[in-house]
């Protein structure tokens, strides 16, 4: 195998990987789109299976702008959910709030007095 054969092989391999990634992105966007009903999605899938390159190019031209907007909205929603989760597990951070939460657990019977004392010592120890 010559150097030029290797470059040609690398070029074709790159094109195949790019085409597969485009098809996957189109399929993912197609099924995430709430604007299309089931029949429209089925027709797009049929079109993508029968004429893959033509259908992918038409999809990217006709629906590419909305494709980017849906992707950004999904990323934004995932970020908001992640931030909400982090806030929920991080707690308030103040020792008084942790002791108050522990006292509520003690009053409800969820923890024992010994566990409450351990929580209080931990909260006060973290503050010092």
Protein backbone atom coordinates (compact mmCIF):
# COMPACT_ATOMS: atom_id res chain seq x y z
CA UNK A 1 0.00 0.00 0.00
CA UNK A 2 1.44 3.32 -1.05
CA UNK A 3 1.15 6.59 0.80
CA UNK A 4 -1.42 7.86 -1.72
CA UNK A 5 -3.52 4.72 -1.32
CA UNK A 6 -3.51 5.32 2.42
CA UNK A 7 -4.63 8.96 1.94
CA UNK A 8 -7.46 7.90 -0.39
CA UNK A 9 -8.53 5.18 2.05
CA UNK A 10 -8.45 7.69 4.93
CA UNK A 11 -10.53 10.16 2.93
CA UNK A 12 -13.23 7.56 2.16
CA UNK A 13 -13.23 6.35 5.76
CA UNK A 14 -13.70 9.95 6.92
CA UNK A 15 -16.63 10.41 4.53
CA UNK A 16 -18.31 7.24 5.78
CA UNK A 17 -17.96 8.34 9.41
CA UNK A 18 -19.34 11.80 8.59
CA UNK A 19 -22.30 10.35 6.69
CA UNK A 20 -23.15 7.96 9.51
CA UNK A 21 -22.98 10.77 12.06
CA UNK A 22 -25.25 12.95 9.90
CA UNK A 23 -27.79 10.14 9.56
CA UNK A 24 -27.76 9.51 13.30
CA UNK A 25 -28.25 13.23 14.05
CA UNK A 26 -31.14 13.42 11.58
CA UNK A 27 -32.84 10.35 13.10
CA UNK A 28 -32.39 11.69 16.64
CA UNK A 29 -33.78 15.09 15.68
CA UNK A 30 -36.63 13.50 13.78
CA UNK A 31 -37.85 11.57 16.81
CA UNK A 32 -37.29 14.43 19.27
CA UNK A 33 -39.36 16.88 17.21
CA UNK A 34 -42.76 17.42 18.88
CA UNK A 35 -44.10 19.33 15.85
CA UNK A 36 -44.16 16.26 13.58
CA UNK A 37 -46.86 13.66 14.00
CA UNK A 38 -46.26 9.92 13.71
CA UNK A 39 -47.12 9.70 10.00
CA UNK A 40 -44.74 12.50 9.07
CA UNK A 41 -41.97 10.82 11.06
CA UNK A 42 -42.71 7.50 9.37
CA UNK A 43 -42.52 9.13 5.93
CA UNK A 44 -39.21 10.81 6.76
CA UNK A 45 -37.79 7.48 8.00
CA UNK A 46 -38.97 5.73 4.84
CA UNK A 47 -37.45 8.51 2.73
CA UNK A 48 -34.18 8.25 4.70
CA UNK A 49 -34.04 4.49 4.20
CA UNK A 50 -34.86 4.53 0.46
CA UNK A 51 -32.86 7.64 -0.54
CA UNK A 52 -30.47 8.23 2.37
CA UNK A 53 -28.23 10.98 0.98
CA UNK A 54 -30.98 12.90 -0.78
CA UNK A 55 -33.31 12.68 2.21
CA UNK A 56 -30.59 13.76 4.66
CA UNK A 57 -29.70 16.79 2.54
CA UNK A 58 -33.35 17.77 2.12
CA UNK A 59 -33.94 17.35 5.86
CA UNK A 60 -30.92 19.49 6.70
CA UNK A 61 -31.98 22.20 4.27
CA UNK A 62 -35.67 22.20 5.19
CA UNK A 63 -35.43 21.64 8.93
CA UNK A 64 -31.80 22.41 9.82
CA UNK A 65 -32.50 25.73 11.55
CA UNK A 66 -35.12 24.25 13.84
CA UNK A 67 -32.78 21.29 14.38
CA UNK A 68 -30.20 23.60 15.96
CA UNK A 69 -32.86 25.34 18.06
CA UNK A 70 -34.18 22.02 19.38
CA UNK A 71 -30.64 20.93 20.22
CA UNK A 72 -29.93 24.15 22.13
CA UNK A 73 -33.26 23.91 23.97
CA UNK A 74 -32.47 20.34 24.99
CA UNK A 75 -29.02 21.35 26.23
CA UNK A 76 -30.52 24.27 28.15
CA UNK A 77 -33.12 22.00 29.76
CA UNK A 78 -30.45 19.47 30.75
CA UNK A 79 -28.34 22.24 32.30
CA UNK A 80 -31.29 23.58 34.30
CA UNK A 81 -32.11 20.08 35.58
CA UNK A 82 -28.47 19.54 36.53
CA UNK A 83 -28.31 22.86 38.39
CA UNK A 84 -31.58 22.10 40.21
CA UNK A 85 -30.25 18.71 41.27
CA UNK A 86 -26.98 20.22 42.50
CA UNK A 87 -28.89 22.84 44.50
CA UNK A 88 -31.14 20.16 46.01
CA UNK A 89 -28.27 17.98 47.23
CA UNK A 90 -25.96 20.83 48.24
CA UNK A 91 -28.31 22.16 50.91
CA UNK A 92 -28.13 25.62 52.37
CA UNK A 93 -24.69 25.22 53.87
CA UNK A 94 -25.40 27.17 57.06
CA UNK A 95 -25.08 25.27 60.35
CA UNK A 96 -28.33 26.76 61.66
CA UNK A 97 -30.27 25.46 58.65
CA UNK A 98 -28.73 22.00 59.00
CA UNK A 99 -29.56 21.88 62.71
CA UNK A 100 -33.11 23.08 61.98
CA UNK A 101 -33.55 20.36 59.35
CA UNK A 102 -32.20 17.82 61.84
CA UNK A 103 -34.62 19.06 64.50
CA UNK A 104 -37.54 18.62 62.10
CA UNK A 105 -36.38 15.07 61.39
CA UNK A 106 -36.11 14.42 65.12
CA UNK A 107 -39.59 15.83 65.77
CA UNK A 108 -41.07 13.70 62.98
CA UNK A 109 -39.44 10.59 64.41
CA UNK A 110 -37.27 9.93 61.36
CA UNK A 111 -34.06 10.02 63.42
CA UNK A 112 -33.16 9.23 66.99
CA UNK A 113 -31.87 11.80 69.53
CA UNK A 114 -28.38 10.31 69.20
CA UNK A 115 -28.46 10.81 65.43
CA UNK A 116 -29.69 14.38 65.94
CA UNK A 117 -26.77 15.08 68.29
CA UNK A 118 -24.37 13.65 65.69
CA UNK A 119 -25.88 15.88 62.99
CA UNK A 120 -25.65 18.91 65.28
CA UNK A 121 -22.03 18.16 66.15
CA UNK A 122 -21.19 17.70 62.48
CA UNK A 123 -22.89 20.99 61.51
CA UNK A 124 -21.18 22.90 64.30
CA UNK A 125 -17.87 21.20 63.55
CA UNK A 126 -18.09 22.22 59.88
CA UNK A 127 -18.78 25.81 60.91
CA UNK A 128 -15.67 26.02 63.08
